[in-house]
Amino acid sequence: MTAVSQNPLHRIPMHARNSVTFARTITLLSVAGLVLLGIAGCGMPGATSDPETGTSSPEMGTSTAALSTDQCSFFAVNGKVDLCHKTCSSKHPYSRIRVSENACRNAHAKHPGDYVTSTDPNSSLFDPKCKGGGCVPQGAPCDASLPCCDGLTCASGACTPACTLTDLELLALPNGWKATGTCGQFKLFVYDTSNNLLNPGVGTGLSIPLVPGAYAFNLQGDGFDNNGGSGEVPPTLTLFTSCGNAVDLVQGSSVSIGGFAVTVTSFSAARDGDTVSPCAEGPNGADDIAGSVVLTVTAP
């Protein structure tokens, strides 16, 4: 009696067996590839593992957020956008690619770590090797994927010139005494919380970019007119910035400067007698004032 083979291939003519075996092999390899991609997350949003080492791949700078669709449109040239694409490899964490604007908007804007770049040496985005050396120029859409260039800040979705705090002034009426941050008859010395003088020298003011954060200062006034008294009105604060001035501020005041909200979180000032100051004004025989101020800058 002839034994019946249990191998289904034995029922297929020899000339057809090779094609069946090949198809099975391709199917198995495809499944294995999909499994590996699923495990490693290569090319998928949020992927961090490295299939070569099994370890987490490092992030370049702070570029962990996805770029915005606005950047895809803004930086498109003839319908194409140059990108640094985040990979899964720790040896080659980024690859430079050129994609269509649609692909940038629909795929790469959803991929954490991708950011716009340029191969033009004259562009602020110039970063041909994807080392994180580019920056977003003035007027361009900004997000967390790339910083704005020096002197700019991300305000209302675009890189704009950072407002700079150039001077402070204390003013109290009706007795008419005041102090400003430039040396003269009325002088306000501005210190940081470590008592470092921030406006040294005659005629110098401040140069502090007002980007989101808290700014604490100690104040020392010198050379006030000796016409004050116990009934004197508490002083108000004036901010001088490169984007405009804000006057008559007291504790709790909030103003908009350069697209940011600036709040006087804390403010106090009072006469403290005759305190020697670093301003070269000769004998110091006038009343002085001491105080402090905390400014909080927040995005709108």
C-alpha atoms as a PDB file:
ATOM      1  CA  MET A   1       0.000   0.000   0.000  1.00  0.00           C
ATOM      2  CA  THR A   2       1.335   3.443  -0.904  1.00  0.00           C
ATOM      3  CA  ALA A   3       1.642   5.861   2.040  1.00  0.00           C
ATOM      4  CA  VAL A   4      -0.181   9.189   1.704  1.00  0.00           C
ATOM      5  CA  SER A   5       2.053  12.232   2.303  1.00  0.00           C
ATOM      6  CA  GLN A   6       0.871  14.724   4.972  1.00  0.00           C
ATOM      7  CA  ASN A   7       2.844  17.558   3.354  1.00  0.00           C
ATOM      8  CA  PRO A   8       0.459  19.592   1.183  1.00  0.00           C
ATOM      9  CA  LEU A   9       3.330  20.541  -1.107  1.00  0.00           C
ATOM     10  CA  HIS A  10       3.567  16.920  -2.199  1.00  0.00           C
ATOM     11  CA  ARG A  11       0.132  17.297  -3.786  1.00  0.00           C
ATOM     12  CA  ILE A  12       1.399  20.206  -5.936  1.00  0.00           C
ATOM     13  CA  PRO A  13       3.315  19.522  -9.144  1.00  0.00           C
ATOM     14  CA  MET A  14       7.060  20.126  -8.813  1.00  0.00           C
ATOM     15  CA  HIS A  15       7.075  23.038 -11.229  1.00  0.00           C
ATOM     16  CA  ALA A  16       4.679  25.005  -8.979  1.00  0.00           C
ATOM     17  CA  ARG A  17       6.308  24.241  -5.631  1.00  0.00           C
ATOM     18  CA  ASN A  18       9.107  26.814  -5.914  1.00  0.00           C
ATOM     19  CA  SER A  19       6.676  29.706  -6.451  1.00  0.00           C
ATOM     20  CA  VAL A  20       4.562  28.651  -3.461  1.00  0.00           C
ATOM     21  CA  THR A  21       7.629  28.403  -1.216  1.00  0.00           C
ATOM     22  CA  PHE A  22       8.819  31.829  -2.392  1.00  0.00           C
ATOM     23  CA  ALA A  23       5.431  33.414  -1.669  1.00  0.00           C
ATOM     24  CA  ARG A  24       5.440  31.958   1.848  1.00  0.00           C
ATOM     25  CA  THR A  25       8.941  33.295   2.472  1.00  0.00           C
ATOM     26  CA  ILE A  26       7.979  36.803   1.337  1.00  0.00           C
ATOM     27  CA  THR A  27       4.887  36.717   3.561  1.00  0.00           C
ATOM     28  CA  LEU A  28       6.901  35.669   6.616  1.00  0.00           C
ATOM     29  CA  LEU A  29       9.538  38.336   5.983  1.00  0.00           C
ATOM     30  CA  SER A  30       6.859  40.993   5.580  1.00  0.00           C
ATOM     31  CA  VAL A  31       5.202  40.009   8.851  1.00  0.00           C
ATOM     32  CA  ALA A  32       8.568  39.961  10.620  1.00  0.00           C
ATOM     33  CA  GLY A  33       9.356  43.421   9.248  1.00  0.00           C
ATOM     34  CA  LEU A  34       6.056  44.810  10.463  1.00  0.00           C
ATOM     35  CA  VAL A  35       6.640  43.302  13.902  1.00  0.00           C
ATOM     36  CA  LEU A  36      10.087  44.869  14.095  1.00  0.00           C
ATOM     37  CA  LEU A  37       8.712  48.246  13.036  1.00  0.00           C
ATOM     38  CA  GLY A  38       5.975  47.972  15.609  1.00  0.00           C
ATOM     39  CA  ILE A  39       8.453  47.170  18.367  1.00  0.00           C
ATOM     40  CA  ALA A  40      11.040  49.786  17.449  1.00  0.00           C
ATOM     41  CA  GLY A  41       8.551  52.430  16.363  1.00  0.00           C
ATOM     42  CA  CYS A  42      10.914  53.512  13.567  1.00  0.00           C
ATOM     43  CA  GLY A  43       9.615  56.502  11.721  1.00  0.00           C
ATOM     44  CA  MET A  44       6.476  56.632  13.843  1.00  0.00           C
ATOM     45  CA  PRO A  45       5.455  59.570  16.030  1.00  0.00           C
ATOM     46  CA  GLY A  46       6.940  59.282  19.480  1.00  0.00           C
ATOM     47  CA  ALA A  47       9.562  56.686  18.471  1.00  0.00           C
ATOM     48  CA  THR A  48      12.593  56.758  20.740  1.00  0.00           C
ATOM     49  CA  SER A  49      14.092  53.247  20.718  1.00  0.00           C
ATOM     50  CA  ASP A  50      17.114  52.308  18.638  1.00  0.00           C
ATOM     51  CA  PRO A  51      16.844  48.966  16.817  1.00  0.00           C
ATOM     52  CA  GLU A  52      20.633  48.744  16.612  1.00  0.00           C
ATOM     53  CA  THR A  53      21.311  49.009  20.337  1.00  0.00           C
ATOM     54  CA  GLY A  54      17.918  48.665  22.000  1.00  0.00           C
ATOM     55  CA  THR A  55      18.539  51.918  23.856  1.00  0.00           C
ATOM     56  CA  SER A  56      16.868  55.296  23.664  1.00  0.00           C
ATOM     57  CA  SER A  57      18.170  57.583  20.961  1.00  0.00           C
ATOM     58  CA  PRO A  58      19.249  61.068  22.096  1.00  0.00           C
ATOM     59  CA  GLU A  59      17.271  64.162  21.222  1.00  0.00           C
ATOM     60  CA  MET A  60      18.981  66.984  19.362  1.00  0.00           C
ATOM     61  CA  GLY A  61      18.796  70.069  21.568  1.00  0.00           C
ATOM     62  CA  THR A  62      15.213  70.629  22.671  1.00  0.00           C
ATOM     63  CA  SER A  63      13.608  69.569  19.406  1.00  0.00           C
ATOM     64  CA  THR A  64      11.154  67.059  20.856  1.00  0.00           C
ATOM     65  CA  ALA A  65       7.960  68.757  19.690  1.00  0.00           C
ATOM     66  CA  ALA A  66       6.589  68.417  16.186  1.00  0.00           C
ATOM     67  CA  LEU A  67       7.006  71.329  13.792  1.00  0.00           C
ATOM     68  CA  SER A  68       3.905  73.322  12.894  1.00  0.00           C
ATOM     69  CA  THR A  69       1.961  73.181   9.640  1.00  0.00           C
ATOM     70  CA  ASP A  70       2.472  76.960   9.407  1.00  0.00           C
ATOM     71  CA  GLN A  71       6.219  76.368   9.139  1.00  0.00           C
ATOM     72  CA  CYS A  72       5.648  73.828   6.357  1.00  0.00           C
ATOM     73  CA  SER A  73       3.843  76.501   4.325  1.00  0.00           C
ATOM     74  CA  PHE A  74       6.124  79.404   5.255  1.00  0.00           C
ATOM     75  CA  PHE A  75       9.407  77.671   4.384  1.00  0.00           C
ATOM     76  CA  ALA A  76       8.218  75.835   1.253  1.00  0.00           C
ATOM     77  CA  VAL A  77      10.241  76.685  -1.870  1.00  0.00           C
ATOM     78  CA  ASN A  78       8.624  75.653  -5.137  1.00  0.00           C
ATOM     79  CA  GLY A  79       6.379  73.331  -3.171  1.00  0.00           C
ATOM     80  CA  LYS A  80       9.259  71.607  -1.341  1.00  0.00           C
ATOM     81  CA  VAL A  81      10.438  71.793   2.275  1.00  0.00           C
ATOM     82  CA  ASP A  82      13.846  70.760   3.635  1.00  0.00           C
ATOM     83  CA  LEU A  83      13.549  68.894   6.920  1.00  0.00           C
ATOM     84  CA  CYS A  84      15.719  67.225   9.511  1.00  0.00           C
ATOM     85  CA  HIS A  85      13.815  63.998  10.126  1.00  0.00           C
ATOM     86  CA  LYS A  86      14.124  62.236  13.478  1.00  0.00           C
ATOM     87  CA  THR A  87      15.202  58.618  13.087  1.00  0.00           C
ATOM     88  CA  CYS A  88      15.468  55.678  15.483  1.00  0.00           C
ATOM     89  CA  SER A  89      19.245  55.433  15.334  1.00  0.00           C
ATOM     90  CA  SER A  90      21.544  56.743  18.053  1.00  0.00           C
ATOM     91  CA  LYS A  91      24.424  56.794  15.533  1.00  0.00           C
ATOM     92  CA  HIS A  92      22.435  58.823  12.997  1.00  0.00           C
ATOM     93  CA  PRO A  93      19.602  60.450  14.961  1.00  0.00           C
ATOM     94  CA  TYR A  94      18.600  62.725  12.083  1.00  0.00           C
ATOM     95  CA  SER A  95      18.479  62.525   8.303  1.00  0.00           C
ATOM     96  CA  ARG A  96      18.026  65.486   5.995  1.00  0.00           C
ATOM     97  CA  ILE A  97      15.182  65.041   3.537  1.00  0.00           C
ATOM     98  CA  ARG A  98      13.254  67.159   1.030  1.00  0.00           C
ATOM     99  CA  VAL A  99       9.522  66.571   0.921  1.00  0.00           C
ATOM    100  CA  SER A 100       6.482  68.196  -0.625  1.00  0.00           C
ATOM    101  CA  GLU A 101       4.623  70.827   1.350  1.00  0.00           C
ATOM    102  CA  ASN A 102       1.667  68.438   1.627  1.00  0.00           C
ATOM    103  CA  ALA A 103       3.871  65.666   3.030  1.00  0.00           C
ATOM    104  CA  CYS A 104       5.348  68.126   5.502  1.00  0.00           C
ATOM    105  CA  ARG A 105       1.903  69.218   6.657  1.00  0.00           C
ATOM    106  CA  ASN A 106       0.212  65.825   6.690  1.00  0.00           C
ATOM    107  CA  ALA A 107       3.014  63.588   7.981  1.00  0.00           C
ATOM    108  CA  HIS A 108       6.065  65.350   9.351  1.00  0.00           C
ATOM    109  CA  ALA A 109       4.129  67.988  11.286  1.00  0.00           C
ATOM    110  CA  LYS A 110       2.842  65.055  13.344  1.00  0.00           C
ATOM    111  CA  HIS A 111       6.278  63.535  13.902  1.00  0.00           C
ATOM    112  CA  PRO A 112       7.993  64.663  17.131  1.00  0.00           C
ATOM    113  CA  GLY A 113      11.567  65.763  16.581  1.00  0.00           C
ATOM    114  CA  ASP A 114      11.297  66.822  12.928  1.00  0.00           C
ATOM    115  CA  TYR A 115      12.234  70.422  12.163  1.00  0.00           C
ATOM    116  CA  VAL A 116      12.819  72.687   9.175  1.00  0.00           C
ATOM    117  CA  THR A 117      16.328  73.216   7.840  1.00  0.00           C
ATOM    118  CA  SER A 118      18.151  74.672   4.840  1.00  0.00           C
ATOM    119  CA  THR A 119      21.198  73.956   2.709  1.00  0.00           C
ATOM    120  CA  ASP A 120      21.585  77.666   1.895  1.00  0.00           C
ATOM    121  CA  PRO A 121      24.567  79.080   3.856  1.00  0.00           C
ATOM    122  CA  ASN A 122      22.860  82.495   3.856  1.00  0.00           C
ATOM    123  CA  SER A 123      19.762  81.161   5.587  1.00  0.00           C
ATOM    124  CA  SER A 124      19.339  81.279   9.352  1.00  0.00           C
ATOM    125  CA  LEU A 125      18.028  77.714   9.038  1.00  0.00           C
ATOM    126  CA  PHE A 126      21.342  76.506   7.568  1.00  0.00           C
ATOM    127  CA  ASP A 127      21.985  73.136   9.176  1.00  0.00           C
ATOM    128  CA  PRO A 128      22.943  70.698   6.398  1.00  0.00           C
ATOM    129  CA  LYS A 129      24.098  67.977   8.812  1.00  0.00           C
ATOM    130  CA  CYS A 130      21.127  68.319  11.159  1.00  0.00           C
ATOM    131  CA  LYS A 131      23.204  69.220  14.211  1.00  0.00           C
ATOM    132  CA  GLY A 132      20.626  71.637  15.602  1.00  0.00           C
ATOM    133  CA  GLY A 133      22.450  74.791  14.472  1.00  0.00           C
ATOM    134  CA  GLY A 134      19.592  76.611  12.752  1.00  0.00           C
ATOM    135  CA  CYS A 135      17.191  79.218  14.094  1.00  0.00           C
ATOM    136  CA  VAL A 136      13.885  80.720  13.002  1.00  0.00           C
ATOM    137  CA  PRO A 137      14.174  84.228  11.468  1.00  0.00           C
ATOM    138  CA  GLN A 138      12.117  87.307  12.235  1.00  0.00           C
ATOM    139  CA  GLY A 139       8.508  87.135  11.052  1.00  0.00           C
ATOM    140  CA  ALA A 140       8.504  83.353  10.605  1.00  0.00           C
ATOM    141  CA  PRO A 141       6.092  81.056  12.463  1.00  0.00           C
ATOM    142  CA  CYS A 142       7.665  79.738  15.667  1.00  0.00           C
ATOM    143  CA  ASP A 143       7.083  76.638  17.753  1.00  0.00           C
ATOM    144  CA  ALA A 144       8.998  74.361  20.112  1.00  0.00           C
ATOM    145  CA  SER A 145      10.884  72.558  17.330  1.00  0.00           C
ATOM    146  CA  LEU A 146      13.448  75.352  16.747  1.00  0.00           C
ATOM    147  CA  PRO A 147      14.389  78.504  18.695  1.00  0.00           C
ATOM    148  CA  CYS A 148      14.036  82.012  17.323  1.00  0.00           C
ATOM    149  CA  CYS A 149      17.298  83.655  16.285  1.00  0.00           C
ATOM    150  CA  ASP A 150      19.238  85.836  18.729  1.00  0.00           C
ATOM    151  CA  GLY A 151      17.429  89.003  19.670  1.00  0.00           C
ATOM    152  CA  LEU A 152      14.044  87.522  18.785  1.00  0.00           C
ATOM    153  CA  THR A 153      11.382  85.896  20.875  1.00  0.00           C
ATOM    154  CA  CYS A 154       8.361  83.751  20.024  1.00  0.00           C
ATOM    155  CA  ALA A 155       5.308  85.973  20.567  1.00  0.00           C
ATOM    156  CA  SER A 156       1.803  85.386  19.199  1.00  0.00           C
ATOM    157  CA  GLY A 157       3.073  82.531  17.043  1.00  0.00           C
ATOM    158  CA  ALA A 158       5.879  84.419  15.264  1.00  0.00           C
ATOM    159  CA  CYS A 159       9.511  85.329  15.929  1.00  0.00           C
ATOM    160  CA  THR A 160       9.542  89.020  16.822  1.00  0.00           C
ATOM    161  CA  PRO A 161      12.194  91.367  18.244  1.00  0.00           C
ATOM    162  CA  ALA A 162      12.487  90.808  21.977  1.00  0.00           C
ATOM    163  CA  CYS A 163      11.518  93.856  24.008  1.00  0.00           C
ATOM    164  CA  THR A 164      14.382  95.037  26.181  1.00  0.00           C
ATOM    165  CA  LEU A 165      13.961  96.676  29.559  1.00  0.00           C
ATOM    166  CA  THR A 166      16.139  99.776  29.238  1.00  0.00           C
ATOM    167  CA  ASP A 167      15.307 101.771  32.360  1.00  0.00           C
ATOM    168  CA  LEU A 168      13.189 102.060  35.504  1.00  0.00           C
ATOM    169  CA  GLU A 169      11.852 105.199  37.140  1.00  0.00           C
ATOM    170  CA  LEU A 170      10.244 105.886  40.482  1.00  0.00           C
ATOM    171  CA  LEU A 171       7.923 108.864  40.707  1.00  0.00           C
ATOM    172  CA  ALA A 172       5.830 110.292  43.553  1.00  0.00           C
ATOM    173  CA  LEU A 173       3.564 113.305  43.397  1.00  0.00           C
ATOM    174  CA  PRO A 174       2.681 115.943  44.449  1.00  0.00           C
ATOM    175  CA  ASN A 175       6.014 116.401  46.236  1.00  0.00           C
ATOM    176  CA  GLY A 176       7.908 116.105  42.975  1.00  0.00           C
ATOM    177  CA  TRP A 177      10.737 113.722  43.741  1.00  0.00           C
ATOM    178  CA  LYS A 178      11.750 111.013  41.330  1.00  0.00           C
ATOM    179  CA  ALA A 179      14.597 108.684  40.462  1.00  0.00           C
ATOM    180  CA  THR A 180      15.568 107.292  37.068  1.00  0.00           C
ATOM    181  CA  GLY A 181      18.183 104.814  35.953  1.00  0.00           C
ATOM    182  CA  THR A 182      20.640 107.341  34.524  1.00  0.00           C
ATOM    183  CA  CYS A 183      23.172 109.159  36.627  1.00  0.00           C
ATOM    184  CA  GLY A 184      22.379 112.751  37.422  1.00  0.00           C
ATOM    185  CA  GLN A 185      20.605 114.706  40.098  1.00  0.00           C
ATOM    186  CA  PHE A 186      18.091 111.877  40.413  1.00  0.00           C
ATOM    187  CA  LYS A 187      19.521 108.409  40.299  1.00  0.00           C
ATOM    188  CA  LEU A 188      18.001 104.958  40.696  1.00  0.00           C
ATOM    189  CA  PHE A 189      20.445 102.106  41.151  1.00  0.00           C
ATOM    190  CA  VAL A 190      19.083  98.743  40.086  1.00  0.00           C
ATOM    191  CA  TYR A 191      20.531  95.568  41.567  1.00  0.00           C
ATOM    192  CA  ASP A 192      19.794  91.895  41.085  1.00  0.00           C
ATOM    193  CA  THR A 193      18.866  89.758  44.088  1.00  0.00           C
ATOM    194  CA  SER A 194      22.562  88.952  44.647  1.00  0.00           C
ATOM    195  CA  ASN A 195      23.212  92.693  45.047  1.00  0.00           C
ATOM    196  CA  ASN A 196      25.062  93.000  41.736  1.00  0.00           C
ATOM    197  CA  LEU A 197      24.643  96.455  40.208  1.00  0.00           C
ATOM    198  CA  LEU A 198      22.844  96.133  36.843  1.00  0.00           C
ATOM    199  CA  ASN A 199      23.199  99.731  35.631  1.00  0.00           C
ATOM    200  CA  PRO A 200      26.770 100.718  36.530  1.00  0.00           C
ATOM    201  CA  GLY A 201      28.503 103.849  35.327  1.00  0.00           C
ATOM    202  CA  VAL A 202      27.327 107.336  34.485  1.00  0.00           C
ATOM    203  CA  GLY A 203      24.609 107.513  31.834  1.00  0.00           C
ATOM    204  CA  THR A 204      24.056 103.775  31.531  1.00  0.00           C
ATOM    205  CA  GLY A 205      20.709 102.077  31.804  1.00  0.00           C
ATOM    206  CA  LEU A 206      19.529  98.488  31.635  1.00  0.00           C
ATOM    207  CA  SER A 207      19.555  95.957  28.821  1.00  0.00           C
ATOM    208  CA  ILE A 208      17.397  93.024  29.890  1.00  0.00           C
ATOM    209  CA  PRO A 209      15.309  91.116  27.292  1.00  0.00           C
ATOM    210  CA  LEU A 210      11.745  90.739  28.510  1.00  0.00           C
ATOM    211  CA  VAL A 211      10.962  87.144  27.617  1.00  0.00           C
ATOM    212  CA  PRO A 212       8.624  84.934  29.688  1.00  0.00           C
ATOM    213  CA  GLY A 213       9.901  84.607  33.232  1.00  0.00           C
ATOM    214  CA  ALA A 214      10.205  86.458  36.536  1.00  0.00           C
ATOM    215  CA  TYR A 215      12.588  89.386  37.067  1.00  0.00           C
ATOM    216  CA  ALA A 216      13.435  90.544  40.592  1.00  0.00           C
ATOM    217  CA  PHE A 217      15.299  93.781  41.310  1.00  0.00           C
ATOM    218  CA  ASN A 218      16.436  95.675  44.383  1.00  0.00           C
ATOM    219  CA  LEU A 219      16.271  99.458  44.080  1.00  0.00           C
ATOM    220  CA  GLN A 220      18.351 102.209  45.690  1.00  0.00           C
ATOM    221  CA  GLY A 221      17.594 105.858  44.996  1.00  0.00           C
ATOM    222  CA  ASP A 222      20.087 108.655  45.400  1.00  0.00           C
ATOM    223  CA  GLY A 223      19.919 112.455  45.242  1.00  0.00           C
ATOM    224  CA  PHE A 224      16.237 113.080  45.883  1.00  0.00           C
ATOM    225  CA  ASP A 225      15.135 116.619  46.566  1.00  0.00           C
ATOM    226  CA  ASN A 226      14.811 117.122  50.288  1.00  0.00           C
ATOM    227  CA  ASN A 227      11.194 118.200  50.136  1.00  0.00           C
ATOM    228  CA  GLY A 228       9.422 115.012  51.155  1.00  0.00           C
ATOM    229  CA  GLY A 229       7.568 114.338  54.338  1.00  0.00           C
ATOM    230  CA  SER A 230       5.384 111.888  56.173  1.00  0.00           C
ATOM    231  CA  GLY A 231       2.395 112.722  53.989  1.00  0.00           C
ATOM    232  CA  GLU A 232       4.234 111.916  50.803  1.00  0.00           C
ATOM    233  CA  VAL A 233       2.418 109.887  48.105  1.00  0.00           C
ATOM    234  CA  PRO A 234       3.809 106.335  47.643  1.00  0.00           C
ATOM    235  CA  PRO A 235       5.928 106.114  44.502  1.00  0.00           C
ATOM    236  CA  THR A 236       4.756 104.634  41.214  1.00  0.00           C
ATOM    237  CA  LEU A 237       6.897 102.703  38.778  1.00  0.00           C
ATOM    238  CA  THR A 238       7.620 103.472  35.125  1.00  0.00           C
ATOM    239  CA  LEU A 239       9.071 100.859  32.770  1.00  0.00           C
ATOM    240  CA  PHE A 240      11.108 101.998  29.789  1.00  0.00           C
ATOM    241  CA  THR A 241      11.480  99.340  27.074  1.00  0.00           C
ATOM    242  CA  SER A 242      12.539  99.171  23.448  1.00  0.00           C
ATOM    243  CA  CYS A 243       8.880  98.466  22.595  1.00  0.00           C
ATOM    244  CA  GLY A 244       7.389 101.389  24.506  1.00  0.00           C
ATOM    245  CA  ASN A 245       6.906 102.640  28.033  1.00  0.00           C
ATOM    246  CA  ALA A 246       4.435 101.847  30.806  1.00  0.00           C
ATOM    247  CA  VAL A 247       3.748 104.490  33.448  1.00  0.00           C
ATOM    248  CA  ASP A 248       2.056 104.829  36.841  1.00  0.00           C
ATOM    249  CA  LEU A 249       2.448 101.178  37.772  1.00  0.00           C
ATOM    250  CA  VAL A 250       1.832  99.879  41.258  1.00  0.00           C
ATOM    251  CA  GLN A 251       1.808  96.400  42.746  1.00  0.00           C
ATOM    252  CA  GLY A 252      -0.672  94.291  40.787  1.00  0.00           C
ATOM    253  CA  SER A 253      -0.552  96.430  37.624  1.00  0.00           C
ATOM    254  CA  SER A 254      -0.458  94.488  34.351  1.00  0.00           C
ATOM    255  CA  VAL A 255       0.374  95.885  30.916  1.00  0.00           C
ATOM    256  CA  SER A 256       0.979  94.492  27.429  1.00  0.00           C
ATOM    257  CA  ILE A 257       4.484  95.062  26.096  1.00  0.00           C
ATOM    258  CA  GLY A 258       5.679  93.543  22.843  1.00  0.00           C
ATOM    259  CA  GLY A 259       2.910  90.977  22.776  1.00  0.00           C
ATOM    260  CA  PHE A 260       3.590  89.764  26.320  1.00  0.00           C
ATOM    261  CA  ALA A 261       1.775  90.478  29.553  1.00  0.00           C
ATOM    262  CA  VAL A 262       4.021  92.214  32.096  1.00  0.00           C
ATOM    263  CA  THR A 263       2.705  92.181  35.662  1.00  0.00           C
ATOM    264  CA  VAL A 264       4.150  94.032  38.642  1.00  0.00           C
ATOM    265  CA  THR A 265       3.959  91.058  40.986  1.00  0.00           C
ATOM    266  CA  SER A 266       5.597  92.892  43.877  1.00  0.00           C
ATOM    267  CA  PHE A 267       6.644  96.511  44.354  1.00  0.00           C
ATOM    268  CA  SER A 268       7.625  98.606  47.349  1.00  0.00           C
ATOM    269  CA  ALA A 269       9.802 101.640  47.940  1.00  0.00           C
ATOM    270  CA  ALA A 270      10.325 104.004  50.858  1.00  0.00           C
ATOM    271  CA  ARG A 271      12.825 106.554  52.111  1.00  0.00           C
ATOM    272  CA  ASP A 272      15.677 104.996  54.040  1.00  0.00           C
ATOM    273  CA  GLY A 273      17.688 108.033  55.079  1.00  0.00           C
ATOM    274  CA  ASP A 274      21.047 108.970  53.650  1.00  0.00           C
ATOM    275  CA  THR A 275      22.722 105.916  52.097  1.00  0.00           C
ATOM    276  CA  VAL A 276      25.983 106.219  50.211  1.00  0.00           C
ATOM    277  CA  SER A 277      25.544 105.156  46.573  1.00  0.00           C
ATOM    278  CA  PRO A 278      28.088 104.297  43.863  1.00  0.00           C
ATOM    279  CA  CYS A 279      27.193 107.332  41.754  1.00  0.00           C
ATOM    280  CA  ALA A 280      29.984 109.933  41.692  1.00  0.00           C
ATOM    281  CA  GLU A 281      27.946 112.948  42.760  1.00  0.00           C
ATOM    282  CA  GLY A 282      30.098 114.286  45.559  1.00  0.00           C
ATOM    283  CA  PRO A 283      28.830 114.585  49.158  1.00  0.00           C
ATOM    284  CA  ASN A 284      25.592 112.743  49.539  1.00  0.00           C
ATOM    285  CA  GLY A 285      23.389 114.909  51.709  1.00  0.00           C
ATOM    286  CA  ALA A 286      19.962 114.315  50.218  1.00  0.00           C
ATOM    287  CA  ASP A 287      17.243 111.875  51.098  1.00  0.00           C
ATOM    288  CA  ASP A 288      17.444 108.401  49.567  1.00  0.00           C
ATOM    289  CA  ILE A 289      14.983 105.642  48.820  1.00  0.00           C
ATOM    290  CA  ALA A 290      15.179 101.847  48.895  1.00  0.00           C
ATOM    291  CA  GLY A 291      12.796  99.242  47.570  1.00  0.00           C
ATOM    292  CA  SER A 292      12.290  96.221  45.368  1.00  0.00           C
ATOM    293  CA  VAL A 293      10.226  95.125  42.400  1.00  0.00           C
ATOM    294  CA  VAL A 294       9.338  91.794  40.796  1.00  0.00           C
ATOM    295  CA  LEU A 295       8.131  91.729  37.191  1.00  0.00           C
ATOM    296  CA  THR A 296       6.478  88.630  35.750  1.00  0.00           C
ATOM    297  CA  VAL A 297       6.367  88.261  31.963  1.00  0.00           C
ATOM    298  CA  THR A 298       3.934  85.773  30.458  1.00  0.00           C
ATOM    299  CA  ALA A 299       2.799  84.874  26.968  1.00  0.00           C
ATOM    300  CA  PRO A 300      -0.556  86.367  25.958  1.00  0.00           C
END
